[in-house]
N, C-alpha and C. Protein backbone atom coordinates (compact mmCIF):
# COMPACT_ATOMS: atom_id res chain seq x y z
N MET A 1 116.87 125.36 81.73
CA MET A 1 116.84 124.12 81.92
C MET A 1 115.75 123.29 82.47
N GLY A 2 115.28 122.70 81.52
CA GLY A 2 113.62 121.88 82.12
C GLY A 2 113.70 120.46 82.82
N PHE A 3 113.12 120.10 83.50
CA PHE A 3 112.88 118.84 83.72
C PHE A 3 112.47 117.52 82.82
N THR A 4 113.29 116.76 82.39
CA THR A 4 112.64 116.10 81.47
C THR A 4 112.79 114.54 82.38
N LYS A 5 111.38 113.74 82.42
CA LYS A 5 111.52 112.52 82.91
C LYS A 5 111.92 111.38 82.10
N THR A 6 112.92 110.19 82.73
CA THR A 6 113.33 109.59 81.96
C THR A 6 112.16 108.07 81.61
N PRO A 7 112.15 107.54 80.17
CA PRO A 7 110.92 106.90 80.17
C PRO A 7 111.09 105.65 80.68
N ILE A 8 110.23 104.90 81.35
CA ILE A 8 110.06 103.50 81.67
C ILE A 8 110.19 102.86 80.46
N LYS A 9 111.04 101.41 80.97
CA LYS A 9 110.77 100.24 79.82
C LYS A 9 110.30 99.30 80.53
N CYS A 10 109.73 98.38 79.43
CA CYS A 10 109.39 97.12 79.92
C CYS A 10 110.62 96.49 80.45
N GLU A 11 110.89 95.48 81.38
CA GLU A 11 111.67 94.68 81.55
C GLU A 11 111.66 93.28 80.83
N ALA A 12 110.01 92.97 80.12
CA ALA A 12 110.44 91.57 79.28
C ALA A 12 110.77 92.27 77.89
N CYS A 13 110.15 93.21 77.48
CA CYS A 13 110.19 93.56 75.61
C CYS A 13 111.33 94.67 76.00
N GLY A 14 111.70 95.82 76.75
CA GLY A 14 112.18 96.28 76.15
C GLY A 14 112.02 97.63 75.43
N LYS A 15 110.43 97.61 75.44
CA LYS A 15 110.34 98.45 74.63
C LYS A 15 109.61 99.65 75.86
N ARG A 16 109.50 100.91 75.38
CA ARG A 16 109.22 102.34 76.70
C ARG A 16 107.65 102.17 76.66
N ILE A 17 106.96 102.50 77.92
CA ILE A 17 105.88 102.78 78.53
C ILE A 17 105.21 103.50 78.94
N PRO A 18 104.58 104.05 78.05
CA PRO A 18 104.13 104.92 77.76
C PRO A 18 103.20 105.92 78.89
N SER A 19 103.21 107.00 79.24
CA SER A 19 102.48 107.63 80.62
C SER A 19 100.73 107.37 80.66
N HIS A 20 100.29 107.25 79.09
CA HIS A 20 98.93 107.27 79.11
C HIS A 20 98.60 105.07 78.97
N GLU A 21 99.80 104.13 79.32
CA GLU A 21 99.34 103.06 79.18
C GLU A 21 99.33 102.43 80.54
N PRO A 22 98.44 101.73 81.49
CA PRO A 22 98.80 101.35 82.70
C PRO A 22 99.98 100.26 83.00
N ASP A 23 100.48 99.87 84.07
CA ASP A 23 101.72 99.18 83.84
C ASP A 23 101.72 98.30 84.94
N LEU A 24 102.40 97.57 85.46
CA LEU A 24 103.00 96.53 86.10
C LEU A 24 104.05 96.65 87.04
N VAL A 25 104.23 97.05 88.35
CA VAL A 25 105.58 97.26 88.97
C VAL A 25 105.56 95.76 89.80
N LEU A 26 106.75 95.59 89.87
CA LEU A 26 107.21 94.30 90.74
C LEU A 26 108.47 94.91 91.38
N GLN A 27 108.34 94.60 92.56
CA GLN A 27 109.32 95.16 93.29
C GLN A 27 109.70 94.17 94.55
N ASP A 28 111.01 93.74 94.65
CA ASP A 28 111.29 92.68 95.78
C ASP A 28 111.15 93.10 97.46
N ILE A 29 110.77 92.44 97.96
CA ILE A 29 110.53 92.95 99.17
C ILE A 29 111.29 93.48 100.03
N LYS A 30 112.58 93.17 99.56
CA LYS A 30 114.20 94.08 100.24
C LYS A 30 113.93 95.48 99.97
N GLY A 31 113.57 95.77 98.90
CA GLY A 31 113.64 97.12 98.88
C GLY A 31 112.56 97.97 99.08
N LEU A 32 111.23 97.29 100.19
CA LEU A 32 110.54 97.69 101.24
C LEU A 32 110.96 97.96 102.13
N ARG A 33 111.76 97.25 102.76
CA ARG A 33 112.21 97.50 104.30
C ARG A 33 113.09 98.77 104.25
N HIS A 34 113.07 99.31 105.63
CA HIS A 34 113.74 100.01 105.87
C HIS A 34 115.48 99.49 105.98
N GLY A 35 116.41 100.17 105.91
CA GLY A 35 118.02 100.09 106.46
C GLY A 35 118.50 98.66 105.51
N GLU A 36 117.63 98.69 104.28
CA GLU A 36 118.34 97.43 102.99
C GLU A 36 119.68 97.87 102.59
N GLU A 37 120.25 97.64 101.77
CA GLU A 37 121.38 98.43 101.12
C GLU A 37 121.06 99.22 100.14
N ALA A 38 121.43 99.88 99.29
CA ALA A 38 121.00 100.90 98.29
C ALA A 38 120.66 99.58 96.73
N GLY A 39 119.75 100.22 96.27
CA GLY A 39 119.53 99.54 95.33
C GLY A 39 118.98 98.20 94.94
N ALA A 40 118.79 97.76 96.41
CA ALA A 40 118.32 96.02 96.57
C ALA A 40 116.75 96.17 96.03
N GLY A 41 116.03 95.55 95.69
CA GLY A 41 114.53 95.41 95.50
C GLY A 41 114.49 97.06 94.32
N ALA A 42 114.94 96.98 93.35
CA ALA A 42 114.78 98.41 92.79
C ALA A 42 113.28 97.89 92.19
N PRO A 43 112.35 98.66 91.79
CA PRO A 43 111.42 98.42 91.40
C PRO A 43 111.85 97.75 89.67
N ARG A 44 111.02 96.92 89.13
CA ARG A 44 110.84 96.39 88.05
C ARG A 44 109.40 96.95 87.04
N PHE A 45 109.73 97.30 85.88
CA PHE A 45 108.11 97.64 85.20
C PHE A 45 107.94 96.78 84.05
N PHE A 46 106.53 96.48 83.69
CA PHE A 46 106.19 96.12 82.69
C PHE A 46 104.82 96.07 82.46
N HIS A 47 104.86 95.81 81.11
CA HIS A 47 103.48 96.49 80.05
C HIS A 47 102.27 95.57 80.94
N GLU A 48 101.14 95.67 80.97
CA GLU A 48 100.52 94.95 81.24
C GLU A 48 100.02 93.33 80.21
N ARG A 49 100.33 93.79 78.94
CA ARG A 49 100.41 92.80 78.17
C ARG A 49 101.23 91.42 78.14
N CYS A 50 103.04 92.34 79.07
CA CYS A 50 103.83 91.37 79.44
C CYS A 50 103.79 90.68 81.22
N GLY A 51 102.60 90.76 81.60
CA GLY A 51 102.75 90.32 82.78
C GLY A 51 102.95 88.90 83.24
N LYS A 52 102.58 88.02 82.14
CA LYS A 52 103.42 86.86 82.24
C LYS A 52 105.00 86.65 82.48
N ALA A 53 105.56 87.94 82.16
CA ALA A 53 107.04 87.46 82.18
C ALA A 53 107.28 88.03 83.96
N ALA A 54 106.27 89.16 84.36
CA ALA A 54 106.99 89.65 85.59
C ALA A 54 106.21 88.12 86.44
N VAL A 55 104.98 87.58 86.54
CA VAL A 55 104.80 86.22 87.23
C VAL A 55 106.02 85.57 87.03
N SER A 56 106.89 85.18 86.11
CA SER A 56 108.10 84.04 85.94
C SER A 56 109.09 84.89 86.75
N VAL A 57 109.41 85.81 86.40
CA VAL A 57 109.89 86.34 87.39
C VAL A 57 110.38 85.93 88.86
N VAL A 58 108.70 86.01 89.56
CA VAL A 58 108.13 86.17 90.94
C VAL A 58 108.32 84.53 91.15
N LEU A 59 107.94 83.61 90.55
CA LEU A 59 107.86 82.22 90.59
C LEU A 59 109.49 81.53 90.53
N GLY A 60 110.06 82.27 89.79
CA GLY A 60 111.19 81.76 89.37
C GLY A 60 112.68 82.05 90.36
N GLY A 61 112.50 82.57 91.57
CA GLY A 61 113.67 82.95 92.60
C GLY A 61 112.63 82.95 94.06
N PRO A 62 113.56 83.01 94.49
CA PRO A 62 113.46 82.80 96.13
C PRO A 62 113.10 84.28 96.82
N GLY A 63 112.84 84.35 97.79
CA GLY A 63 112.13 85.77 98.33
C GLY A 63 110.89 86.01 98.04
N GLY A 64 110.63 87.17 98.57
CA GLY A 64 108.73 87.92 98.38
C GLY A 64 108.82 88.96 97.35
N HIS A 65 107.99 88.90 96.90
CA HIS A 65 107.97 90.25 95.84
C HIS A 65 106.39 90.54 95.93
N VAL A 66 106.20 92.15 95.61
CA VAL A 66 105.17 92.69 95.60
C VAL A 66 104.39 92.99 94.21
N LEU A 67 103.81 93.02 93.71
CA LEU A 67 103.22 92.94 92.38
C LEU A 67 101.54 94.03 92.34
N THR A 68 102.02 95.07 91.64
CA THR A 68 100.79 96.25 91.65
C THR A 68 100.78 96.91 90.55
N THR A 69 99.51 97.26 90.08
CA THR A 69 99.34 97.77 89.09
C THR A 69 98.81 99.29 88.84
N ARG A 70 99.42 100.25 88.36
CA ARG A 70 99.39 101.46 87.72
C ARG A 70 98.50 101.86 86.88
N SER A 71 97.20 102.52 87.63
CA SER A 71 96.43 102.76 87.07
C SER A 71 96.92 104.13 86.02
N VAL A 72 96.22 104.24 84.97
CA VAL A 72 96.13 105.52 83.96
C VAL A 72 95.58 106.93 85.02
N ASP A 73 94.21 106.81 85.89
CA ASP A 73 93.57 107.66 86.35
C ASP A 73 94.35 107.80 87.80
N GLU A 74 95.04 109.18 87.96
CA GLU A 74 95.73 109.31 89.22
C GLU A 74 94.80 109.01 90.62
N GLY A 75 93.88 109.22 90.37
CA GLY A 75 92.63 109.24 91.62
C GLY A 75 92.60 107.57 92.00
N ALA A 76 93.02 106.49 91.44
CA ALA A 76 92.99 105.23 91.34
C ALA A 76 94.13 104.90 91.45
N ASN A 77 95.31 105.55 91.77
CA ASN A 77 96.48 104.69 92.44
C ASN A 77 96.71 105.28 93.85
């Protein structure tokens, strides 16, 4: 039985984000703190072309967020 990676889907358009494309990862600050409840601040993934939707999530709600870009080149991450 082999290990299969669950495909990552864009929160904005719902389409799969292929591993050869860079993407944006939006995470709530609560998910980065130790001792928070499970599932709080789970990362949300966006295509780079859907970046405006990620920014609107940040601007539309309370709390802090971290928005990072994951590069295709492993050395850049």
